[in-house]
Amino acid sequence: MLEPHRRFILVAREKDLSKSEQKLVDKLRRINEPIHTAMLLVEYFHKALDKKTIKGFERR
């Protein structure tokens, strides 16, 4: 489990991160990739479903 004070490294410039911090950020990116992809898919489908016409939906 991550310690609360470690979350600051996600907003730090990558060049300023230590090797252990960079490894942690890389691990978090890998772990969260499926979640990010799912969120993008949900957003895509919401935009498609918001279309007023069938043609608009098909185009989206």
C-alpha atoms as a PDB file:
ATOM      1  CA  MET A   1       0.000   0.000   0.000  1.00  0.00           C
ATOM      2  CA  LEU A   2       1.238   3.492  -0.816  1.00  0.00           C
ATOM      3  CA  GLU A   3       1.922   5.903   1.974  1.00  0.00           C
ATOM      4  CA  PRO A   4      -0.197   9.091   1.699  1.00  0.00           C
ATOM      5  CA  HIS A   5       2.834  11.377   1.432  1.00  0.00           C
ATOM      6  CA  ARG A   6       4.046   9.509  -1.674  1.00  0.00           C
ATOM      7  CA  ARG A   7       1.280  10.776  -3.945  1.00  0.00           C
ATOM      8  CA  PHE A   8       3.135  14.065  -4.551  1.00  0.00           C
ATOM      9  CA  ILE A   9       5.540  12.294  -6.883  1.00  0.00           C
ATOM     10  CA  LEU A  10       2.816  11.907  -9.495  1.00  0.00           C
ATOM     11  CA  VAL A  11       2.854  15.633 -10.154  1.00  0.00           C
ATOM     12  CA  ALA A  12       6.617  16.093  -9.939  1.00  0.00           C
ATOM     13  CA  ARG A  13       8.698  16.406 -13.061  1.00  0.00           C
ATOM     14  CA  GLU A  14       9.935  13.005 -14.072  1.00  0.00           C
ATOM     15  CA  LYS A  15      13.531  14.150 -14.335  1.00  0.00           C
ATOM     16  CA  ASP A  16      13.409  15.093 -10.645  1.00  0.00           C
ATOM     17  CA  LEU A  17      12.240  11.662  -9.488  1.00  0.00           C
ATOM     18  CA  SER A  18      14.560   9.204  -7.840  1.00  0.00           C
ATOM     19  CA  LYS A  19      14.869   5.756  -9.426  1.00  0.00           C
ATOM     20  CA  SER A  20      12.594   4.250  -6.775  1.00  0.00           C
ATOM     21  CA  GLU A  21      10.004   6.991  -7.296  1.00  0.00           C
ATOM     22  CA  GLN A  22      10.136   6.501 -11.068  1.00  0.00           C
ATOM     23  CA  LYS A  23       9.627   2.751 -10.600  1.00  0.00           C
ATOM     24  CA  LEU A  24       6.612   3.498  -8.412  1.00  0.00           C
ATOM     25  CA  VAL A  25       5.121   5.870 -10.991  1.00  0.00           C
ATOM     26  CA  ASP A  26       5.680   3.317 -13.763  1.00  0.00           C
ATOM     27  CA  LYS A  27       3.984   0.639 -11.667  1.00  0.00           C
ATOM     28  CA  LEU A  28       1.012   2.920 -11.001  1.00  0.00           C
ATOM     29  CA  ARG A  29       0.696   3.672 -14.709  1.00  0.00           C
ATOM     30  CA  ARG A  30       0.639  -0.049 -15.540  1.00  0.00           C
ATOM     31  CA  ILE A  31      -1.892  -0.816 -12.822  1.00  0.00           C
ATOM     32  CA  ASN A  32      -4.180   2.046 -13.818  1.00  0.00           C
ATOM     33  CA  GLU A  33      -4.021   1.541 -17.596  1.00  0.00           C
ATOM     34  CA  PRO A  34      -7.121  -0.716 -17.710  1.00  0.00           C
ATOM     35  CA  ILE A  35      -9.049   1.768 -15.559  1.00  0.00           C
ATOM     36  CA  HIS A  36      -8.038   4.658 -17.825  1.00  0.00           C
ATOM     37  CA  THR A  37      -9.036   2.681 -20.927  1.00  0.00           C
ATOM     38  CA  ALA A  38     -12.411   1.824 -19.402  1.00  0.00           C
ATOM     39  CA  MET A  39     -13.040   5.470 -18.520  1.00  0.00           C
ATOM     40  CA  LEU A  40     -12.279   6.511 -22.106  1.00  0.00           C
ATOM     41  CA  LEU A  41     -14.669   3.864 -23.450  1.00  0.00           C
ATOM     42  CA  VAL A  42     -17.437   5.027 -21.112  1.00  0.00           C
ATOM     43  CA  GLU A  43     -16.911   8.620 -22.254  1.00  0.00           C
ATOM     44  CA  TYR A  44     -16.968   7.523 -25.912  1.00  0.00           C
ATOM     45  CA  PHE A  45     -20.258   5.671 -25.464  1.00  0.00           C
ATOM     46  CA  HIS A  46     -21.824   8.568 -23.544  1.00  0.00           C
ATOM     47  CA  LYS A  47     -20.962  10.923 -26.401  1.00  0.00           C
ATOM     48  CA  ALA A  48     -22.457   8.479 -28.912  1.00  0.00           C
ATOM     49  CA  LEU A  49     -25.612   8.000 -26.833  1.00  0.00           C
ATOM     50  CA  ASP A  50     -26.050  11.774 -26.433  1.00  0.00           C
ATOM     51  CA  LYS A  51     -26.654  12.168 -30.171  1.00  0.00           C
ATOM     52  CA  LYS A  52     -30.187  13.270 -31.047  1.00  0.00           C
ATOM     53  CA  THR A  53     -30.508  11.200 -34.228  1.00  0.00           C
ATOM     54  CA  ILE A  54     -29.631   7.700 -35.384  1.00  0.00           C
ATOM     55  CA  LYS A  55     -27.388   9.221 -38.071  1.00  0.00           C
ATOM     56  CA  GLY A  56     -25.501  11.218 -35.424  1.00  0.00           C
ATOM     57  CA  PHE A  57     -25.101   8.080 -33.334  1.00  0.00           C
ATOM     58  CA  GLU A  58     -23.836   6.069 -36.305  1.00  0.00           C
ATOM     59  CA  ARG A  59     -21.345   8.782 -37.228  1.00  0.00           C
ATOM     60  CA  ARG A  60     -20.030   8.990 -33.654  1.00  0.00           C
END
